[in-house]
């Protein structure tokens, strides 16, 4: 059988309502050349019953895992598509044209990565410097060393990338940032699409503003560069943490 153009991987644990919304947004797509792998971390019986009703091209695996990025790595192993896309179970594709815009209206032959925008919703502020801003722009430049220029709900990766690298489980919250910074450092090409791909929640742990997240950011940057730069990365993290704390306290 000819492999699908796209494999969509959805990690989920105890979020049946969100999962249903994510799946419905995929079913509504004009573009249909995809498979979907739902990687469930061993959710309750209601979730299992729902998963068992799904039909091709929706597939699932349900077993205990070590967190979201372990689930995503398992999805990578199962995926057969030329491109991989990771959608959170709290998130949905922006509209029925989201995948069509990427795979039918964009020249992508030379790219290893395709990235667009996301629009945020939820109780947490999306940005540390602007509480009212909702849309995350995309960039692929040296500014990646300051903050992540891609959002994994609006990023598509060539499957072949994962033949040599996977999500690093040393970084339980920011392994997506680690991966993107690793790919940027090693010269992978990224095609920027100036369109909103997905609607994303801000209620996840990465938006909580906890200092442990910024410590994780410091450590992943050092691992990909040099310990000499630790004071610089610490200062950047401290500034970002201060902005986030000010937003939460206001």
C-alpha atoms as a PDB file:
ATOM      1  CA  UNK A   1       0.000   0.000   0.000  1.00  0.00           C
ATOM      2  CA  UNK A   2       1.132   3.554  -0.720  1.00  0.00           C
ATOM      3  CA  UNK A   3       2.022   5.289   2.559  1.00  0.00           C
ATOM      4  CA  UNK A   4      -0.055   8.347   3.470  1.00  0.00           C
ATOM      5  CA  UNK A   5       1.336  11.816   2.932  1.00  0.00           C
ATOM      6  CA  UNK A   6       0.831  12.684   6.600  1.00  0.00           C
ATOM      7  CA  UNK A   7       0.770  10.877   9.935  1.00  0.00           C
ATOM      8  CA  UNK A   8      -0.990  12.768  12.723  1.00  0.00           C
ATOM      9  CA  UNK A   9       0.044  11.701  16.227  1.00  0.00           C
ATOM     10  CA  UNK A  10      -2.165  12.556  19.220  1.00  0.00           C
ATOM     11  CA  UNK A  11      -0.825  11.802  22.724  1.00  0.00           C
ATOM     12  CA  UNK A  12      -3.633  11.606  25.278  1.00  0.00           C
ATOM     13  CA  UNK A  13      -4.281  10.636  28.876  1.00  0.00           C
ATOM     14  CA  UNK A  14      -7.639  10.998  30.638  1.00  0.00           C
ATOM     15  CA  UNK A  15      -8.979  13.683  28.295  1.00  0.00           C
ATOM     16  CA  UNK A  16     -11.799  12.091  26.334  1.00  0.00           C
ATOM     17  CA  UNK A  17     -13.698  15.324  25.660  1.00  0.00           C
ATOM     18  CA  UNK A  18     -10.605  17.074  24.296  1.00  0.00           C
ATOM     19  CA  UNK A  19      -9.664  14.022  22.224  1.00  0.00           C
ATOM     20  CA  UNK A  20     -13.088  13.948  20.572  1.00  0.00           C
ATOM     21  CA  UNK A  21     -12.734  17.617  19.593  1.00  0.00           C
ATOM     22  CA  UNK A  22      -9.269  17.010  18.145  1.00  0.00           C
ATOM     23  CA  UNK A  23     -10.463  14.036  16.107  1.00  0.00           C
ATOM     24  CA  UNK A  24     -13.523  15.912  14.849  1.00  0.00           C
ATOM     25  CA  UNK A  25     -11.303  18.752  13.603  1.00  0.00           C
ATOM     26  CA  UNK A  26      -9.246  16.195  11.649  1.00  0.00           C
ATOM     27  CA  UNK A  27     -12.305  14.534  10.142  1.00  0.00           C
ATOM     28  CA  UNK A  28     -13.486  17.954   8.929  1.00  0.00           C
ATOM     29  CA  UNK A  29     -10.341  18.535   6.862  1.00  0.00           C
ATOM     30  CA  UNK A  30     -10.611  18.891   3.070  1.00  0.00           C
ATOM     31  CA  UNK A  31      -7.198  17.201   2.792  1.00  0.00           C
ATOM     32  CA  UNK A  32      -7.656  13.461   3.382  1.00  0.00           C
ATOM     33  CA  UNK A  33      -4.274  11.846   2.653  1.00  0.00           C
ATOM     34  CA  UNK A  34      -3.480  11.062   6.286  1.00  0.00           C
ATOM     35  CA  UNK A  35      -3.452   8.445   9.007  1.00  0.00           C
ATOM     36  CA  UNK A  36      -3.981   9.218  12.694  1.00  0.00           C
ATOM     37  CA  UNK A  37      -2.270   7.483  15.609  1.00  0.00           C
ATOM     38  CA  UNK A  38      -3.770   8.115  19.040  1.00  0.00           C
ATOM     39  CA  UNK A  39      -1.223   7.184  21.696  1.00  0.00           C
ATOM     40  CA  UNK A  40      -3.137   6.748  24.936  1.00  0.00           C
ATOM     41  CA  UNK A  41      -1.293   6.472  28.253  1.00  0.00           C
ATOM     42  CA  UNK A  42      -3.759   3.967  29.703  1.00  0.00           C
ATOM     43  CA  UNK A  43      -6.890   6.051  30.212  1.00  0.00           C
ATOM     44  CA  UNK A  44     -10.174   4.969  31.786  1.00  0.00           C
ATOM     45  CA  UNK A  45     -12.773   2.593  30.375  1.00  0.00           C
ATOM     46  CA  UNK A  46     -14.816   5.361  28.708  1.00  0.00           C
ATOM     47  CA  UNK A  47     -11.769   6.363  26.669  1.00  0.00           C
ATOM     48  CA  UNK A  48     -10.997   2.745  25.786  1.00  0.00           C
ATOM     49  CA  UNK A  49     -14.574   2.194  24.612  1.00  0.00           C
ATOM     50  CA  UNK A  50     -14.425   5.307  22.444  1.00  0.00           C
ATOM     51  CA  UNK A  51     -11.073   4.353  20.916  1.00  0.00           C
ATOM     52  CA  UNK A  52     -12.436   0.924  20.016  1.00  0.00           C
ATOM     53  CA  UNK A  53     -15.151   2.551  17.866  1.00  0.00           C
ATOM     54  CA  UNK A  54     -12.677   4.388  15.614  1.00  0.00           C
ATOM     55  CA  UNK A  55     -12.212   3.200  12.036  1.00  0.00           C
ATOM     56  CA  UNK A  56      -9.427   3.592   9.477  1.00  0.00           C
ATOM     57  CA  UNK A  57      -7.464   5.807   9.034  1.00  0.00           C
ATOM     58  CA  UNK A  58      -7.693   6.250  12.823  1.00  0.00           C
ATOM     59  CA  UNK A  59      -5.595   3.850  14.891  1.00  0.00           C
ATOM     60  CA  UNK A  60      -4.665   3.714  18.542  1.00  0.00           C
ATOM     61  CA  UNK A  61      -2.304   2.191  21.049  1.00  0.00           C
ATOM     62  CA  UNK A  62      -3.150   2.219  24.760  1.00  0.00           C
ATOM     63  CA  UNK A  63      -0.519   1.453  27.381  1.00  0.00           C
ATOM     64  CA  UNK A  64       1.198   3.212  30.261  1.00  0.00           C
ATOM     65  CA  UNK A  65       3.959   5.575  29.129  1.00  0.00           C
ATOM     66  CA  UNK A  66       6.495   7.990  30.621  1.00  0.00           C
ATOM     67  CA  UNK A  67       4.700  11.162  29.593  1.00  0.00           C
ATOM     68  CA  UNK A  68       3.749  13.150  26.520  1.00  0.00           C
ATOM     69  CA  UNK A  69       7.091  12.948  24.703  1.00  0.00           C
ATOM     70  CA  UNK A  70       7.446   9.218  25.315  1.00  0.00           C
ATOM     71  CA  UNK A  71       3.979   8.876  23.756  1.00  0.00           C
ATOM     72  CA  UNK A  72       5.068  11.010  20.795  1.00  0.00           C
ATOM     73  CA  UNK A  73       8.176   8.852  20.290  1.00  0.00           C
ATOM     74  CA  UNK A  74       5.948   5.757  20.264  1.00  0.00           C
ATOM     75  CA  UNK A  75       3.761   7.428  17.665  1.00  0.00           C
ATOM     76  CA  UNK A  76       6.823   8.124  15.531  1.00  0.00           C
ATOM     77  CA  UNK A  77       7.681   4.409  15.527  1.00  0.00           C
ATOM     78  CA  UNK A  78       4.185   3.493  14.353  1.00  0.00           C
ATOM     79  CA  UNK A  79       3.758   6.262  11.762  1.00  0.00           C
ATOM     80  CA  UNK A  80       4.001   5.444   8.046  1.00  0.00           C
ATOM     81  CA  UNK A  81       3.508   8.929   6.584  1.00  0.00           C
ATOM     82  CA  UNK A  82       6.080  11.012   4.729  1.00  0.00           C
ATOM     83  CA  UNK A  83       5.388  13.865   7.164  1.00  0.00           C
ATOM     84  CA  UNK A  84       4.596  13.798  10.889  1.00  0.00           C
ATOM     85  CA  UNK A  85       2.362  16.199  12.801  1.00  0.00           C
ATOM     86  CA  UNK A  86       1.712  16.208  16.557  1.00  0.00           C
ATOM     87  CA  UNK A  87      -1.653  17.457  17.813  1.00  0.00           C
ATOM     88  CA  UNK A  88      -2.445  17.815  21.509  1.00  0.00           C
ATOM     89  CA  UNK A  89      -5.682  16.308  22.780  1.00  0.00           C
ATOM     90  CA  UNK A  90      -6.706  19.765  24.052  1.00  0.00           C
ATOM     91  CA  UNK A  91      -6.083  21.331  20.629  1.00  0.00           C
ATOM     92  CA  UNK A  92      -7.829  21.443  17.249  1.00  0.00           C
ATOM     93  CA  UNK A  93      -6.963  22.290  13.667  1.00  0.00           C
ATOM     94  CA  UNK A  94      -7.882  25.897  12.933  1.00  0.00           C
ATOM     95  CA  UNK A  95     -10.350  25.263  10.111  1.00  0.00           C
ATOM     96  CA  UNK A  96     -11.162  22.755   7.350  1.00  0.00           C
ATOM     97  CA  UNK A  97      -8.386  24.159   5.118  1.00  0.00           C
ATOM     98  CA  UNK A  98      -5.499  23.837   7.598  1.00  0.00           C
ATOM     99  CA  UNK A  99      -3.907  20.725   6.083  1.00  0.00           C
ATOM    100  CA  UNK A 100      -4.862  21.688   2.539  1.00  0.00           C
ATOM    101  CA  UNK A 101      -2.987  24.979   2.930  1.00  0.00           C
ATOM    102  CA  UNK A 102       0.183  23.111   3.895  1.00  0.00           C
ATOM    103  CA  UNK A 103       0.149  20.175   1.497  1.00  0.00           C
ATOM    104  CA  UNK A 104      -1.706  21.488  -1.549  1.00  0.00           C
ATOM    105  CA  UNK A 105      -0.991  25.226  -1.642  1.00  0.00           C
ATOM    106  CA  UNK A 106       2.625  25.431  -0.444  1.00  0.00           C
ATOM    107  CA  UNK A 107       5.878  24.490  -2.248  1.00  0.00           C
ATOM    108  CA  UNK A 108       7.570  22.180   0.268  1.00  0.00           C
ATOM    109  CA  UNK A 109       9.900  19.901  -1.718  1.00  0.00           C
ATOM    110  CA  UNK A 110      13.145  21.336  -0.333  1.00  0.00           C
ATOM    111  CA  UNK A 111      11.983  21.624   3.281  1.00  0.00           C
ATOM    112  CA  UNK A 112      12.578  19.256   6.173  1.00  0.00           C
ATOM    113  CA  UNK A 113      10.192  21.193   8.409  1.00  0.00           C
ATOM    114  CA  UNK A 114       7.031  23.191   7.675  1.00  0.00           C
ATOM    115  CA  UNK A 115       5.788  25.607  10.321  1.00  0.00           C
ATOM    116  CA  UNK A 116       2.854  27.966  10.622  1.00  0.00           C
ATOM    117  CA  UNK A 117       1.053  29.933  13.318  1.00  0.00           C
ATOM    118  CA  UNK A 118      -1.165  28.959  16.227  1.00  0.00           C
ATOM    119  CA  UNK A 119      -3.889  30.946  17.964  1.00  0.00           C
ATOM    120  CA  UNK A 120      -4.184  30.501  21.730  1.00  0.00           C
ATOM    121  CA  UNK A 121      -7.170  30.187  24.037  1.00  0.00           C
ATOM    122  CA  UNK A 122      -7.367  29.401  27.744  1.00  0.00           C
ATOM    123  CA  UNK A 123      -7.049  30.908  31.207  1.00  0.00           C
ATOM    124  CA  UNK A 124      -3.273  31.419  31.154  1.00  0.00           C
ATOM    125  CA  UNK A 125      -1.626  34.335  29.282  1.00  0.00           C
ATOM    126  CA  UNK A 126      -0.024  33.033  26.087  1.00  0.00           C
ATOM    127  CA  UNK A 127       2.904  35.464  26.036  1.00  0.00           C
ATOM    128  CA  UNK A 128       5.063  36.785  28.864  1.00  0.00           C
ATOM    129  CA  UNK A 129       5.293  40.257  27.331  1.00  0.00           C
ATOM    130  CA  UNK A 130       1.704  40.817  26.161  1.00  0.00           C
ATOM    131  CA  UNK A 131      -1.286  39.378  28.053  1.00  0.00           C
ATOM    132  CA  UNK A 132      -3.702  40.207  25.230  1.00  0.00           C
ATOM    133  CA  UNK A 133      -1.768  38.689  22.332  1.00  0.00           C
ATOM    134  CA  UNK A 134      -3.222  35.401  21.040  1.00  0.00           C
ATOM    135  CA  UNK A 135      -1.382  34.484  17.812  1.00  0.00           C
ATOM    136  CA  UNK A 136       2.099  32.938  17.914  1.00  0.00           C
ATOM    137  CA  UNK A 137       4.169  33.937  14.908  1.00  0.00           C
ATOM    138  CA  UNK A 138       6.784  31.556  13.520  1.00  0.00           C
ATOM    139  CA  UNK A 139      10.509  32.156  13.006  1.00  0.00           C
ATOM    140  CA  UNK A 140      13.565  30.046  12.203  1.00  0.00           C
ATOM    141  CA  UNK A 141      16.626  32.128  13.062  1.00  0.00           C
ATOM    142  CA  UNK A 142      19.296  32.606  15.731  1.00  0.00           C
ATOM    143  CA  UNK A 143      16.541  34.013  17.922  1.00  0.00           C
ATOM    144  CA  UNK A 144      15.737  30.334  18.546  1.00  0.00           C
ATOM    145  CA  UNK A 145      18.422  30.536  21.254  1.00  0.00           C
ATOM    146  CA  UNK A 146      16.222  33.071  23.065  1.00  0.00           C
ATOM    147  CA  UNK A 147      12.885  31.292  22.702  1.00  0.00           C
ATOM    148  CA  UNK A 148      11.252  28.555  20.661  1.00  0.00           C
ATOM    149  CA  UNK A 149      10.266  29.914  17.243  1.00  0.00           C
ATOM    150  CA  UNK A 150       7.998  26.970  16.387  1.00  0.00           C
ATOM    151  CA  UNK A 151       4.950  25.496  18.070  1.00  0.00           C
ATOM    152  CA  UNK A 152       4.552  21.742  17.721  1.00  0.00           C
ATOM    153  CA  UNK A 153       0.803  22.129  17.049  1.00  0.00           C
ATOM    154  CA  UNK A 154       1.671  24.076  13.894  1.00  0.00           C
ATOM    155  CA  UNK A 155       4.805  22.216  12.784  1.00  0.00           C
ATOM    156  CA  UNK A 156       5.219  19.344  10.332  1.00  0.00           C
ATOM    157  CA  UNK A 157       8.380  17.226  10.255  1.00  0.00           C
ATOM    158  CA  UNK A 158       9.739  14.991   7.508  1.00  0.00           C
ATOM    159  CA  UNK A 159       9.606  11.429   8.852  1.00  0.00           C
ATOM    160  CA  UNK A 160      13.249  10.868   7.897  1.00  0.00           C
ATOM    161  CA  UNK A 161      14.332  13.404  10.549  1.00  0.00           C
ATOM    162  CA  UNK A 162      13.421  10.884  13.226  1.00  0.00           C
ATOM    163  CA  UNK A 163      15.710   8.204  11.850  1.00  0.00           C
ATOM    164  CA  UNK A 164      18.547   9.822  13.833  1.00  0.00           C
ATOM    165  CA  UNK A 165      16.828  11.808  16.597  1.00  0.00           C
ATOM    166  CA  UNK A 166      13.798  11.485  18.874  1.00  0.00           C
ATOM    167  CA  UNK A 167      12.219  13.650  21.570  1.00  0.00           C
ATOM    168  CA  UNK A 168      14.656  13.785  24.485  1.00  0.00           C
ATOM    169  CA  UNK A 169      12.938  12.506  27.644  1.00  0.00           C
ATOM    170  CA  UNK A 170      15.441  14.380  29.829  1.00  0.00           C
ATOM    171  CA  UNK A 171      13.222  17.409  29.182  1.00  0.00           C
ATOM    172  CA  UNK A 172       9.676  16.408  30.258  1.00  0.00           C
ATOM    173  CA  UNK A 173       8.149  19.845  29.534  1.00  0.00           C
ATOM    174  CA  UNK A 174      10.366  21.332  26.814  1.00  0.00           C
ATOM    175  CA  UNK A 175      11.487  18.369  24.699  1.00  0.00           C
ATOM    176  CA  UNK A 176       9.787  20.022  21.695  1.00  0.00           C
ATOM    177  CA  UNK A 177      11.987  23.109  22.195  1.00  0.00           C
ATOM    178  CA  UNK A 178      15.050  20.862  22.549  1.00  0.00           C
ATOM    179  CA  UNK A 179      14.204  19.107  19.277  1.00  0.00           C
ATOM    180  CA  UNK A 180      13.623  22.339  17.353  1.00  0.00           C
ATOM    181  CA  UNK A 181      16.819  23.913  18.662  1.00  0.00           C
ATOM    182  CA  UNK A 182      18.735  20.721  17.830  1.00  0.00           C
ATOM    183  CA  UNK A 183      17.394  20.776  14.264  1.00  0.00           C
ATOM    184  CA  UNK A 184      18.172  24.492  13.890  1.00  0.00           C
ATOM    185  CA  UNK A 185      21.727  23.981  15.169  1.00  0.00           C
ATOM    186  CA  UNK A 186      22.277  21.150  12.681  1.00  0.00           C
ATOM    187  CA  UNK A 187      21.127  23.163   9.667  1.00  0.00           C
ATOM    188  CA  UNK A 188      17.736  21.666   8.861  1.00  0.00           C
ATOM    189  CA  UNK A 189      15.595  23.778   6.553  1.00  0.00           C
ATOM    190  CA  UNK A 190      12.218  25.141   7.607  1.00  0.00           C
ATOM    191  CA  UNK A 191       9.479  26.407   5.282  1.00  0.00           C
ATOM    192  CA  UNK A 192       7.434  29.108   7.006  1.00  0.00           C
ATOM    193  CA  UNK A 193       3.710  29.150   6.203  1.00  0.00           C
ATOM    194  CA  UNK A 194       1.978  32.420   7.033  1.00  0.00           C
ATOM    195  CA  UNK A 195      -1.294  30.798   8.060  1.00  0.00           C
ATOM    196  CA  UNK A 196      -2.854  29.695  11.339  1.00  0.00           C
ATOM    197  CA  UNK A 197      -2.701  25.914  11.581  1.00  0.00           C
ATOM    198  CA  UNK A 198      -4.236  25.153  14.976  1.00  0.00           C
ATOM    199  CA  UNK A 199      -6.089  26.505  17.998  1.00  0.00           C
ATOM    200  CA  UNK A 200      -4.184  25.698  21.184  1.00  0.00           C
ATOM    201  CA  UNK A 201      -4.889  25.816  24.894  1.00  0.00           C
ATOM    202  CA  UNK A 202      -2.697  27.864  27.248  1.00  0.00           C
ATOM    203  CA  UNK A 203      -3.659  25.727  30.242  1.00  0.00           C
ATOM    204  CA  UNK A 204      -0.762  23.264  29.928  1.00  0.00           C
ATOM    205  CA  UNK A 205       2.221  23.060  32.266  1.00  0.00           C
ATOM    206  CA  UNK A 206       4.562  24.869  29.857  1.00  0.00           C
ATOM    207  CA  UNK A 207       2.493  28.056  30.368  1.00  0.00           C
ATOM    208  CA  UNK A 208       2.383  27.806  34.168  1.00  0.00           C
ATOM    209  CA  UNK A 209       5.419  30.041  34.680  1.00  0.00           C
ATOM    210  CA  UNK A 210       7.042  27.703  37.215  1.00  0.00           C
ATOM    211  CA  UNK A 211      10.799  28.314  37.658  1.00  0.00           C
ATOM    212  CA  UNK A 212      11.549  24.602  37.145  1.00  0.00           C
ATOM    213  CA  UNK A 213      10.508  25.056  33.502  1.00  0.00           C
ATOM    214  CA  UNK A 214      13.040  27.830  33.031  1.00  0.00           C
ATOM    215  CA  UNK A 215      15.724  25.687  34.676  1.00  0.00           C
ATOM    216  CA  UNK A 216      14.889  23.010  32.122  1.00  0.00           C
ATOM    217  CA  UNK A 217      15.260  25.605  29.357  1.00  0.00           C
ATOM    218  CA  UNK A 218      18.701  26.624  30.680  1.00  0.00           C
ATOM    219  CA  UNK A 219      19.842  22.999  30.800  1.00  0.00           C
ATOM    220  CA  UNK A 220      18.708  22.119  27.274  1.00  0.00           C
ATOM    221  CA  UNK A 221      20.449  25.188  25.835  1.00  0.00           C
ATOM    222  CA  UNK A 222      23.676  24.323  27.633  1.00  0.00           C
ATOM    223  CA  UNK A 223      23.462  20.733  26.381  1.00  0.00           C
ATOM    224  CA  UNK A 224      23.205  22.015  22.798  1.00  0.00           C
ATOM    225  CA  UNK A 225      25.929  24.652  23.120  1.00  0.00           C
ATOM    226  CA  UNK A 226      28.527  25.219  25.846  1.00  0.00           C
ATOM    227  CA  UNK A 227      28.625  25.499  29.650  1.00  0.00           C
ATOM    228  CA  UNK A 228      30.444  28.819  29.242  1.00  0.00           C
ATOM    229  CA  UNK A 229      27.114  30.277  28.072  1.00  0.00           C
ATOM    230  CA  UNK A 230      25.249  29.252  31.246  1.00  0.00           C
ATOM    231  CA  UNK A 231      25.282  32.816  32.733  1.00  0.00           C
ATOM    232  CA  UNK A 232      23.764  34.182  29.522  1.00  0.00           C
ATOM    233  CA  UNK A 233      21.056  31.530  29.384  1.00  0.00           C
ATOM    234  CA  UNK A 234      20.370  32.034  33.098  1.00  0.00           C
ATOM    235  CA  UNK A 235      19.872  35.774  32.594  1.00  0.00           C
ATOM    236  CA  UNK A 236      17.512  35.180  29.662  1.00  0.00           C
ATOM    237  CA  UNK A 237      15.498  32.679  31.704  1.00  0.00           C
ATOM    238  CA  UNK A 238      15.384  34.980  34.724  1.00  0.00           C
ATOM    239  CA  UNK A 239      14.049  37.864  32.629  1.00  0.00           C
ATOM    240  CA  UNK A 240      11.377  35.642  31.067  1.00  0.00           C
ATOM    241  CA  UNK A 241      10.440  34.222  34.477  1.00  0.00           C
ATOM    242  CA  UNK A 242      10.096  37.736  35.920  1.00  0.00           C
ATOM    243  CA  UNK A 243       7.799  38.813  33.079  1.00  0.00           C
ATOM    244  CA  UNK A 244       5.684  35.675  33.511  1.00  0.00           C
ATOM    245  CA  UNK A 245       5.427  36.143  37.283  1.00  0.00           C
ATOM    246  CA  UNK A 246       4.385  39.768  36.805  1.00  0.00           C
ATOM    247  CA  UNK A 247       1.584  38.642  34.470  1.00  0.00           C
ATOM    248  CA  UNK A 248       0.365  36.038  36.944  1.00  0.00           C
ATOM    249  CA  UNK A 249       0.458  38.481  39.850  1.00  0.00           C
ATOM    250  CA  UNK A 250      -1.303  41.313  38.015  1.00  0.00           C
END
